[in-house]
């Protein structure tokens, strides 16, 4: 499946000034974004709006997942000043909603959770009146590590399940389906008032029955927000796309997901876990008023 269908062409308005400002800021501050490292298709749209998803602990991952565009190998030495620089970048960009993620750092005793917690703490220390979402790895399923992060003041805990259960061995060969579900379940147990969130990709050979099973499992662990997008192959060394879903198919799957009564569902070709994250949470909060 080499030729991409016409509906994968995305038309957006480009603000070159904003794009350059975000690029220059991340470069001068020595910060990584998942937008750049993972080759996200929404990068120019988000940078045009002066938003970005910051990626902690370098841009080399200790795992090598079949779908991911981030480099794998020996990770960088942990930079203790990174949390301060991210907090200052958030302030300079004037963000009202910030998403923080990271590469997986299986080489660190706590999986890097203390670095996450320090970053959240540094952002909150600036009293910027914003909301914070953390998109975390699985920390090898260590709930004690998760608790270190959840004592901090954050609004959304996001951990992506990424794909249906049967695909885990090839798509996330160093991860575990039940472990990912338990991360979401444990987050709710440790901090009941936090919003939990997870996302998965379509186009990796899943069937509707397996999608239903995945949605049911996410509901079972009390996940609040679900994002569903099209898998797009970052490079020739990544897993091939088995199917490009049409826009109307994403609408149908959104209706299916909404039947499970999640607090919010985002489904579309270019939907990504952190794409429009602030808008999604605002929608939930406005409903609750």
C-alpha atoms as a PDB file:
ATOM      1  CA  UNK A   1       0.000   0.000   0.000  1.00  0.00           C
ATOM      2  CA  UNK A   2       2.365   2.711  -1.271  1.00  0.00           C
ATOM      3  CA  UNK A   3       0.050   5.360  -2.698  1.00  0.00           C
ATOM      4  CA  UNK A   4      -1.697   7.500  -0.143  1.00  0.00           C
ATOM      5  CA  UNK A   5      -5.347   8.382  -0.836  1.00  0.00           C
ATOM      6  CA  UNK A   6      -6.393  11.925  -1.661  1.00  0.00           C
ATOM      7  CA  UNK A   7      -8.154  12.456   1.669  1.00  0.00           C
ATOM      8  CA  UNK A   8      -4.793  12.380   3.461  1.00  0.00           C
ATOM      9  CA  UNK A   9      -3.917  15.783   2.037  1.00  0.00           C
ATOM     10  CA  UNK A  10      -4.270  18.377   4.766  1.00  0.00           C
ATOM     11  CA  UNK A  11      -4.860  22.039   3.967  1.00  0.00           C
ATOM     12  CA  UNK A  12      -3.870  24.475   6.679  1.00  0.00           C
ATOM     13  CA  UNK A  13      -2.968  28.122   7.036  1.00  0.00           C
ATOM     14  CA  UNK A  14       0.708  28.576   7.758  1.00  0.00           C
ATOM     15  CA  UNK A  15       1.996  31.327  10.025  1.00  0.00           C
ATOM     16  CA  UNK A  16       5.710  31.301   9.220  1.00  0.00           C
ATOM     17  CA  UNK A  17       6.519  33.851  11.920  1.00  0.00           C
ATOM     18  CA  UNK A  18       5.015  31.698  14.667  1.00  0.00           C
ATOM     19  CA  UNK A  19       6.611  28.541  13.282  1.00  0.00           C
ATOM     20  CA  UNK A  20      10.031  30.165  13.323  1.00  0.00           C
ATOM     21  CA  UNK A  21       9.488  31.540  16.826  1.00  0.00           C
ATOM     22  CA  UNK A  22       8.638  28.106  18.211  1.00  0.00           C
ATOM     23  CA  UNK A  23      11.540  26.475  16.390  1.00  0.00           C
ATOM     24  CA  UNK A  24      13.995  29.125  17.542  1.00  0.00           C
ATOM     25  CA  UNK A  25      12.763  28.929  21.130  1.00  0.00           C
ATOM     26  CA  UNK A  26      13.069  25.150  21.340  1.00  0.00           C
ATOM     27  CA  UNK A  27      16.489  25.292  19.670  1.00  0.00           C
ATOM     28  CA  UNK A  28      17.870  28.065  21.864  1.00  0.00           C
ATOM     29  CA  UNK A  29      16.429  26.418  25.002  1.00  0.00           C
ATOM     30  CA  UNK A  30      17.807  23.022  23.968  1.00  0.00           C
ATOM     31  CA  UNK A  31      14.375  21.390  24.197  1.00  0.00           C
ATOM     32  CA  UNK A  32      12.870  18.513  22.259  1.00  0.00           C
ATOM     33  CA  UNK A  33       9.319  18.285  20.971  1.00  0.00           C
ATOM     34  CA  UNK A  34       7.504  15.105  20.017  1.00  0.00           C
ATOM     35  CA  UNK A  35       6.172  17.123  17.073  1.00  0.00           C
ATOM     36  CA  UNK A  36       9.643  17.137  15.505  1.00  0.00           C
ATOM     37  CA  UNK A  37      11.114  13.889  16.815  1.00  0.00           C
ATOM     38  CA  UNK A  38       8.091  11.721  15.950  1.00  0.00           C
ATOM     39  CA  UNK A  39       7.471  13.426  12.576  1.00  0.00           C
ATOM     40  CA  UNK A  40       3.923  14.440  13.495  1.00  0.00           C
ATOM     41  CA  UNK A  41       1.745  15.427  10.490  1.00  0.00           C
ATOM     42  CA  UNK A  42       0.244  18.298  12.503  1.00  0.00           C
ATOM     43  CA  UNK A  43       3.530  20.015  13.277  1.00  0.00           C
ATOM     44  CA  UNK A  44       3.083  23.091  11.060  1.00  0.00           C
ATOM     45  CA  UNK A  45      -0.495  23.622  12.194  1.00  0.00           C
ATOM     46  CA  UNK A  46       0.452  23.434  15.868  1.00  0.00           C
ATOM     47  CA  UNK A  47       3.591  25.530  15.538  1.00  0.00           C
ATOM     48  CA  UNK A  48       1.536  28.090  13.584  1.00  0.00           C
ATOM     49  CA  UNK A  49      -0.692  28.358  16.663  1.00  0.00           C
ATOM     50  CA  UNK A  50       2.394  28.638  18.895  1.00  0.00           C
ATOM     51  CA  UNK A  51       1.764  25.303  20.598  1.00  0.00           C
ATOM     52  CA  UNK A  52       4.032  22.288  20.943  1.00  0.00           C
ATOM     53  CA  UNK A  53       4.290  19.078  22.957  1.00  0.00           C
ATOM     54  CA  UNK A  54       7.508  19.058  24.946  1.00  0.00           C
ATOM     55  CA  UNK A  55       9.427  15.786  25.111  1.00  0.00           C
ATOM     56  CA  UNK A  56      11.521  15.161  28.199  1.00  0.00           C
ATOM     57  CA  UNK A  57      14.780  13.282  28.707  1.00  0.00           C
ATOM     58  CA  UNK A  58      16.289  13.532  25.245  1.00  0.00           C
ATOM     59  CA  UNK A  59      15.152  12.294  21.859  1.00  0.00           C
ATOM     60  CA  UNK A  60      16.517   8.733  21.957  1.00  0.00           C
ATOM     61  CA  UNK A  61      14.217   6.027  23.306  1.00  0.00           C
ATOM     62  CA  UNK A  62      15.284   2.806  25.028  1.00  0.00           C
ATOM     63  CA  UNK A  63      12.531   0.924  23.187  1.00  0.00           C
ATOM     64  CA  UNK A  64      12.023   0.376  19.485  1.00  0.00           C
ATOM     65  CA  UNK A  65       8.281   0.228  18.777  1.00  0.00           C
ATOM     66  CA  UNK A  66       7.278  -0.686  15.238  1.00  0.00           C
ATOM     67  CA  UNK A  67       5.073   2.360  14.693  1.00  0.00           C
ATOM     68  CA  UNK A  68       7.216   5.112  16.178  1.00  0.00           C
ATOM     69  CA  UNK A  69       9.435   7.602  14.382  1.00  0.00           C
ATOM     70  CA  UNK A  70      11.568   8.447  17.421  1.00  0.00           C
ATOM     71  CA  UNK A  71      15.141   7.157  17.360  1.00  0.00           C
ATOM     72  CA  UNK A  72      16.042   4.130  19.455  1.00  0.00           C
ATOM     73  CA  UNK A  73      19.382   3.452  21.082  1.00  0.00           C
ATOM     74  CA  UNK A  74      21.577   4.489  23.988  1.00  0.00           C
ATOM     75  CA  UNK A  75      19.793   7.410  25.689  1.00  0.00           C
ATOM     76  CA  UNK A  76      21.288  10.738  26.624  1.00  0.00           C
ATOM     77  CA  UNK A  77      22.481  11.690  30.093  1.00  0.00           C
ATOM     78  CA  UNK A  78      19.576  13.136  32.071  1.00  0.00           C
ATOM     79  CA  UNK A  79      19.655  16.941  32.056  1.00  0.00           C
ATOM     80  CA  UNK A  80      18.697  18.195  35.514  1.00  0.00           C
ATOM     81  CA  UNK A  81      18.090  21.737  34.255  1.00  0.00           C
ATOM     82  CA  UNK A  82      15.598  20.705  31.587  1.00  0.00           C
ATOM     83  CA  UNK A  83      12.498  21.178  33.813  1.00  0.00           C
ATOM     84  CA  UNK A  84      13.462  24.834  34.424  1.00  0.00           C
ATOM     85  CA  UNK A  85      13.978  25.484  30.729  1.00  0.00           C
ATOM     86  CA  UNK A  86      10.624  23.930  29.839  1.00  0.00           C
ATOM     87  CA  UNK A  87       8.849  26.045  32.446  1.00  0.00           C
ATOM     88  CA  UNK A  88      10.449  29.192  31.043  1.00  0.00           C
ATOM     89  CA  UNK A  89       9.538  28.182  27.475  1.00  0.00           C
ATOM     90  CA  UNK A  90       5.928  27.613  28.528  1.00  0.00           C
ATOM     91  CA  UNK A  91       5.879  31.098  30.019  1.00  0.00           C
ATOM     92  CA  UNK A  92       7.488  32.694  26.968  1.00  0.00           C
ATOM     93  CA  UNK A  93       5.028  30.995  24.616  1.00  0.00           C
ATOM     94  CA  UNK A  94       2.095  32.135  26.728  1.00  0.00           C
ATOM     95  CA  UNK A  95       0.582  28.660  26.820  1.00  0.00           C
ATOM     96  CA  UNK A  96      -2.701  28.094  28.649  1.00  0.00           C
ATOM     97  CA  UNK A  97      -2.534  24.346  28.144  1.00  0.00           C
ATOM     98  CA  UNK A  98       0.701  22.396  28.041  1.00  0.00           C
ATOM     99  CA  UNK A  99       1.332  18.751  27.152  1.00  0.00           C
ATOM    100  CA  UNK A 100       4.510  17.113  28.421  1.00  0.00           C
ATOM    101  CA  UNK A 101       5.650  13.717  27.222  1.00  0.00           C
ATOM    102  CA  UNK A 102       8.920  11.800  27.121  1.00  0.00           C
ATOM    103  CA  UNK A 103      10.872   9.059  25.473  1.00  0.00           C
ATOM    104  CA  UNK A 104      10.790   5.781  27.391  1.00  0.00           C
ATOM    105  CA  UNK A 105      13.749   5.578  29.762  1.00  0.00           C
ATOM    106  CA  UNK A 106      13.965   1.971  30.930  1.00  0.00           C
ATOM    107  CA  UNK A 107      17.599   2.691  31.858  1.00  0.00           C
ATOM    108  CA  UNK A 108      16.553   4.915  34.772  1.00  0.00           C
ATOM    109  CA  UNK A 109      15.574   3.302  38.112  1.00  0.00           C
ATOM    110  CA  UNK A 110      12.278   5.218  38.270  1.00  0.00           C
ATOM    111  CA  UNK A 111      11.716   5.369  34.521  1.00  0.00           C
ATOM    112  CA  UNK A 112      12.193   9.137  34.652  1.00  0.00           C
ATOM    113  CA  UNK A 113       9.057   9.841  36.674  1.00  0.00           C
ATOM    114  CA  UNK A 114      10.899  12.155  39.088  1.00  0.00           C
ATOM    115  CA  UNK A 115      11.955  14.245  36.081  1.00  0.00           C
ATOM    116  CA  UNK A 116       8.315  14.449  35.007  1.00  0.00           C
ATOM    117  CA  UNK A 117       7.278  15.499  38.515  1.00  0.00           C
ATOM    118  CA  UNK A 118      10.006  18.136  38.724  1.00  0.00           C
ATOM    119  CA  UNK A 119       8.916  19.606  35.379  1.00  0.00           C
ATOM    120  CA  UNK A 120       5.282  19.868  36.492  1.00  0.00           C
ATOM    121  CA  UNK A 121       6.414  21.444  39.758  1.00  0.00           C
ATOM    122  CA  UNK A 122       8.565  24.029  37.974  1.00  0.00           C
ATOM    123  CA  UNK A 123       5.716  25.026  35.648  1.00  0.00           C
ATOM    124  CA  UNK A 124       3.297  25.379  38.559  1.00  0.00           C
ATOM    125  CA  UNK A 125       5.864  27.408  40.511  1.00  0.00           C
ATOM    126  CA  UNK A 126       5.490  30.192  37.918  1.00  0.00           C
ATOM    127  CA  UNK A 127       1.741  30.564  38.684  1.00  0.00           C
ATOM    128  CA  UNK A 128       0.814  30.839  35.009  1.00  0.00           C
ATOM    129  CA  UNK A 129      -2.852  29.826  35.414  1.00  0.00           C
ATOM    130  CA  UNK A 130      -2.708  27.004  32.912  1.00  0.00           C
ATOM    131  CA  UNK A 131      -3.634  23.337  32.708  1.00  0.00           C
ATOM    132  CA  UNK A 132      -1.090  20.541  32.464  1.00  0.00           C
ATOM    133  CA  UNK A 133      -1.347  17.188  30.714  1.00  0.00           C
ATOM    134  CA  UNK A 134       1.301  14.501  31.097  1.00  0.00           C
ATOM    135  CA  UNK A 135       1.541  11.867  28.374  1.00  0.00           C
ATOM    136  CA  UNK A 136       3.553   9.162  30.081  1.00  0.00           C
ATOM    137  CA  UNK A 137       5.284   5.877  29.188  1.00  0.00           C
ATOM    138  CA  UNK A 138       4.296   2.777  31.165  1.00  0.00           C
ATOM    139  CA  UNK A 139       7.110   3.023  33.781  1.00  0.00           C
ATOM    140  CA  UNK A 140       7.209  -0.795  33.466  1.00  0.00           C
ATOM    141  CA  UNK A 141       3.893  -0.866  35.278  1.00  0.00           C
ATOM    142  CA  UNK A 142       5.371   0.410  38.557  1.00  0.00           C
ATOM    143  CA  UNK A 143       2.459   2.066  40.365  1.00  0.00           C
ATOM    144  CA  UNK A 144       4.777   3.517  43.017  1.00  0.00           C
ATOM    145  CA  UNK A 145       6.480   5.517  40.264  1.00  0.00           C
ATOM    146  CA  UNK A 146       3.112   6.715  39.010  1.00  0.00           C
ATOM    147  CA  UNK A 147       2.269   7.953  42.493  1.00  0.00           C
ATOM    148  CA  UNK A 148       5.369  10.200  42.485  1.00  0.00           C
ATOM    149  CA  UNK A 149       3.925  12.103  39.536  1.00  0.00           C
ATOM    150  CA  UNK A 150       0.323  12.208  40.723  1.00  0.00           C
ATOM    151  CA  UNK A 151       1.156  14.063  43.938  1.00  0.00           C
ATOM    152  CA  UNK A 152       1.906  17.026  41.671  1.00  0.00           C
ATOM    153  CA  UNK A 153      -0.812  19.369  40.441  1.00  0.00           C
ATOM    154  CA  UNK A 154      -1.738  18.210  36.936  1.00  0.00           C
ATOM    155  CA  UNK A 155      -5.074  18.008  35.184  1.00  0.00           C
ATOM    156  CA  UNK A 156      -4.811  15.112  32.729  1.00  0.00           C
ATOM    157  CA  UNK A 157      -2.878  11.840  32.938  1.00  0.00           C
ATOM    158  CA  UNK A 158      -2.468  10.395  29.451  1.00  0.00           C
ATOM    159  CA  UNK A 159      -1.069   6.995  28.556  1.00  0.00           C
ATOM    160  CA  UNK A 160      -1.592   5.724  25.033  1.00  0.00           C
ATOM    161  CA  UNK A 161      -2.681   2.128  24.545  1.00  0.00           C
ATOM    162  CA  UNK A 162      -1.712   2.665  20.853  1.00  0.00           C
ATOM    163  CA  UNK A 163      -3.320  -0.436  19.290  1.00  0.00           C
ATOM    164  CA  UNK A 164      -5.654  -3.379  19.807  1.00  0.00           C
ATOM    165  CA  UNK A 165      -4.627  -6.298  21.987  1.00  0.00           C
ATOM    166  CA  UNK A 166      -3.705  -8.728  19.184  1.00  0.00           C
ATOM    167  CA  UNK A 167      -1.240  -6.217  17.655  1.00  0.00           C
ATOM    168  CA  UNK A 168       0.834  -5.594  20.770  1.00  0.00           C
ATOM    169  CA  UNK A 169       3.527  -8.172  20.041  1.00  0.00           C
ATOM    170  CA  UNK A 170       4.464  -6.490  16.739  1.00  0.00           C
ATOM    171  CA  UNK A 171       3.463  -2.851  17.342  1.00  0.00           C
ATOM    172  CA  UNK A 172       4.632  -2.495  20.962  1.00  0.00           C
ATOM    173  CA  UNK A 173       6.821  -5.554  21.421  1.00  0.00           C
ATOM    174  CA  UNK A 174       8.445  -4.280  24.623  1.00  0.00           C
ATOM    175  CA  UNK A 175       5.143  -3.240  26.210  1.00  0.00           C
ATOM    176  CA  UNK A 176       2.185  -5.128  27.642  1.00  0.00           C
ATOM    177  CA  UNK A 177      -1.521  -4.553  27.015  1.00  0.00           C
ATOM    178  CA  UNK A 178      -2.625  -5.245  30.595  1.00  0.00           C
ATOM    179  CA  UNK A 179       0.167  -3.101  31.989  1.00  0.00           C
ATOM    180  CA  UNK A 180      -1.003  -0.119  29.928  1.00  0.00           C
ATOM    181  CA  UNK A 181      -4.595  -0.589  31.063  1.00  0.00           C
ATOM    182  CA  UNK A 182      -3.459  -0.870  34.672  1.00  0.00           C
ATOM    183  CA  UNK A 183      -1.580   2.436  34.434  1.00  0.00           C
ATOM    184  CA  UNK A 184      -4.868   4.164  33.582  1.00  0.00           C
ATOM    185  CA  UNK A 185      -6.782   2.254  36.250  1.00  0.00           C
ATOM    186  CA  UNK A 186      -4.189   3.020  38.917  1.00  0.00           C
ATOM    187  CA  UNK A 187      -4.169   6.723  38.057  1.00  0.00           C
ATOM    188  CA  UNK A 188      -7.890   6.930  38.791  1.00  0.00           C
ATOM    189  CA  UNK A 189      -7.461   4.964  41.976  1.00  0.00           C
ATOM    190  CA  UNK A 190      -4.633   7.169  43.227  1.00  0.00           C
ATOM    191  CA  UNK A 191      -6.190  10.461  42.135  1.00  0.00           C
ATOM    192  CA  UNK A 192      -9.944  10.091  41.452  1.00  0.00           C
ATOM    193  CA  UNK A 193     -10.413  13.713  40.369  1.00  0.00           C
ATOM    194  CA  UNK A 194      -7.830  13.562  37.574  1.00  0.00           C
ATOM    195  CA  UNK A 195      -8.901  13.111  33.956  1.00  0.00           C
ATOM    196  CA  UNK A 196      -7.406  10.018  32.360  1.00  0.00           C
ATOM    197  CA  UNK A 197      -6.835   9.760  28.645  1.00  0.00           C
ATOM    198  CA  UNK A 198      -5.649   7.237  26.087  1.00  0.00           C
ATOM    199  CA  UNK A 199      -5.278   7.038  22.322  1.00  0.00           C
ATOM    200  CA  UNK A 200      -4.902   4.428  19.644  1.00  0.00           C
ATOM    201  CA  UNK A 201      -4.164   4.181  15.930  1.00  0.00           C
ATOM    202  CA  UNK A 202      -6.137   2.581  13.123  1.00  0.00           C
ATOM    203  CA  UNK A 203      -4.583   1.037  10.041  1.00  0.00           C
ATOM    204  CA  UNK A 204      -2.431  -1.674  11.593  1.00  0.00           C
ATOM    205  CA  UNK A 205      -4.638  -4.638  10.740  1.00  0.00           C
ATOM    206  CA  UNK A 206      -7.308  -4.360  13.430  1.00  0.00           C
ATOM    207  CA  UNK A 207     -10.932  -5.444  12.968  1.00  0.00           C
ATOM    208  CA  UNK A 208     -14.092  -3.829  14.302  1.00  0.00           C
ATOM    209  CA  UNK A 209     -14.567  -6.573  16.894  1.00  0.00           C
ATOM    210  CA  UNK A 210     -11.087  -5.834  18.270  1.00  0.00           C
ATOM    211  CA  UNK A 211     -11.799  -2.096  18.323  1.00  0.00           C
ATOM    212  CA  UNK A 212     -14.941  -2.786  20.350  1.00  0.00           C
ATOM    213  CA  UNK A 213     -12.903  -4.930  22.747  1.00  0.00           C
ATOM    214  CA  UNK A 214     -10.326  -2.155  23.175  1.00  0.00           C
ATOM    215  CA  UNK A 215     -12.975   0.503  23.808  1.00  0.00           C
ATOM    216  CA  UNK A 216     -14.650  -1.791  26.326  1.00  0.00           C
ATOM    217  CA  UNK A 217     -11.344  -2.340  28.129  1.00  0.00           C
ATOM    218  CA  UNK A 218     -10.674   1.417  28.285  1.00  0.00           C
ATOM    219  CA  UNK A 219     -14.130   2.005  29.712  1.00  0.00           C
ATOM    220  CA  UNK A 220     -13.577  -0.774  32.228  1.00  0.00           C
ATOM    221  CA  UNK A 221     -10.564   1.103  33.672  1.00  0.00           C
ATOM    222  CA  UNK A 222     -12.596   4.338  33.802  1.00  0.00           C
ATOM    223  CA  UNK A 223     -10.681   6.173  31.070  1.00  0.00           C
ATOM    224  CA  UNK A 224     -12.269   9.594  30.472  1.00  0.00           C
ATOM    225  CA  UNK A 225     -10.920  10.716  27.089  1.00  0.00           C
ATOM    226  CA  UNK A 226     -10.184   8.637  23.986  1.00  0.00           C
ATOM    227  CA  UNK A 227      -8.365   9.798  20.847  1.00  0.00           C
ATOM    228  CA  UNK A 228      -8.387   7.773  17.621  1.00  0.00           C
ATOM    229  CA  UNK A 229      -6.257   8.551  14.554  1.00  0.00           C
ATOM    230  CA  UNK A 230      -4.830   7.077  11.363  1.00  0.00           C
ATOM    231  CA  UNK A 231      -1.461   5.357  11.571  1.00  0.00           C
ATOM    232  CA  UNK A 232       0.919   6.990   9.112  1.00  0.00           C
ATOM    233  CA  UNK A 233       4.262   5.270   8.526  1.00  0.00           C
ATOM    234  CA  UNK A 234       7.077   7.585   9.702  1.00  0.00           C
ATOM    235  CA  UNK A 235       9.739   5.828   7.595  1.00  0.00           C
ATOM    236  CA  UNK A 236      10.413   2.775   5.489  1.00  0.00           C
ATOM    237  CA  UNK A 237      11.798   0.950   8.523  1.00  0.00           C
ATOM    238  CA  UNK A 238       8.490   1.225  10.406  1.00  0.00           C
ATOM    239  CA  UNK A 239       5.480  -1.058  10.110  1.00  0.00           C
ATOM    240  CA  UNK A 240       3.561  -0.714   6.846  1.00  0.00           C
ATOM    241  CA  UNK A 241       0.042   0.723   6.775  1.00  0.00           C
ATOM    242  CA  UNK A 242      -2.518  -2.057   6.339  1.00  0.00           C
ATOM    243  CA  UNK A 243      -5.458   0.265   5.681  1.00  0.00           C
ATOM    244  CA  UNK A 244      -6.175   3.960   5.189  1.00  0.00           C
ATOM    245  CA  UNK A 245      -9.536   4.647   6.814  1.00  0.00           C
ATOM    246  CA  UNK A 246     -11.877   7.044   5.055  1.00  0.00           C
ATOM    247  CA  UNK A 247     -13.210  10.142   6.902  1.00  0.00           C
ATOM    248  CA  UNK A 248     -16.700   8.605   7.124  1.00  0.00           C
ATOM    249  CA  UNK A 249     -15.220   5.490   8.739  1.00  0.00           C
ATOM    250  CA  UNK A 250     -13.656   7.639  11.433  1.00  0.00           C
ATOM    251  CA  UNK A 251     -17.075   9.222  12.030  1.00  0.00           C
ATOM    252  CA  UNK A 252     -18.607   5.775  12.392  1.00  0.00           C
ATOM    253  CA  UNK A 253     -15.920   4.711  14.862  1.00  0.00           C
ATOM    254  CA  UNK A 254     -16.413   7.946  16.784  1.00  0.00           C
ATOM    255  CA  UNK A 255     -20.109   7.108  17.153  1.00  0.00           C
ATOM    256  CA  UNK A 256     -19.129   3.633  18.302  1.00  0.00           C
ATOM    257  CA  UNK A 257     -16.730   5.041  20.903  1.00  0.00           C
ATOM    258  CA  UNK A 258     -19.284   7.588  22.105  1.00  0.00           C
ATOM    259  CA  UNK A 259     -21.735   4.748  22.765  1.00  0.00           C
ATOM    260  CA  UNK A 260     -19.428   3.725  25.635  1.00  0.00           C
ATOM    261  CA  UNK A 261     -20.104   7.101  27.319  1.00  0.00           C
ATOM    262  CA  UNK A 262     -16.559   8.377  27.611  1.00  0.00           C
ATOM    263  CA  UNK A 263     -16.405  12.012  28.683  1.00  0.00           C
ATOM    264  CA  UNK A 264     -14.890  12.921  25.293  1.00  0.00           C
ATOM    265  CA  UNK A 265     -13.926  11.213  22.051  1.00  0.00           C
ATOM    266  CA  UNK A 266     -11.793  12.652  19.246  1.00  0.00           C
ATOM    267  CA  UNK A 267     -11.661  10.573  16.074  1.00  0.00           C
ATOM    268  CA  UNK A 268     -10.195  11.527  12.726  1.00  0.00           C
ATOM    269  CA  UNK A 269      -7.403  10.931  10.262  1.00  0.00           C
ATOM    270  CA  UNK A 270      -5.027  13.478  11.770  1.00  0.00           C
ATOM    271  CA  UNK A 271      -6.142  13.141  15.385  1.00  0.00           C
ATOM    272  CA  UNK A 272      -3.184  12.603  17.666  1.00  0.00           C
ATOM    273  CA  UNK A 273      -3.018  12.204  21.415  1.00  0.00           C
ATOM    274  CA  UNK A 274      -1.954  15.765  22.185  1.00  0.00           C
ATOM    275  CA  UNK A 275      -3.570  17.437  19.154  1.00  0.00           C
ATOM    276  CA  UNK A 276      -6.190  19.948  20.326  1.00  0.00           C
ATOM    277  CA  UNK A 277      -5.817  18.602  23.874  1.00  0.00           C
ATOM    278  CA  UNK A 278      -6.820  21.867  25.532  1.00  0.00           C
ATOM    279  CA  UNK A 279      -9.955  22.163  23.404  1.00  0.00           C
ATOM    280  CA  UNK A 280     -11.013  18.640  24.376  1.00  0.00           C
ATOM    281  CA  UNK A 281     -10.666  19.322  28.095  1.00  0.00           C
ATOM    282  CA  UNK A 282     -12.430  22.692  27.759  1.00  0.00           C
ATOM    283  CA  UNK A 283     -15.348  20.871  26.158  1.00  0.00           C
ATOM    284  CA  UNK A 284     -15.629  18.543  29.148  1.00  0.00           C
ATOM    285  CA  UNK A 285     -15.360  21.364  31.674  1.00  0.00           C
ATOM    286  CA  UNK A 286     -17.980  23.439  29.874  1.00  0.00           C
ATOM    287  CA  UNK A 287     -20.388  20.493  29.954  1.00  0.00           C
ATOM    288  CA  UNK A 288     -19.920  20.240  33.699  1.00  0.00           C
ATOM    289  CA  UNK A 289     -20.750  23.887  34.381  1.00  0.00           C
END
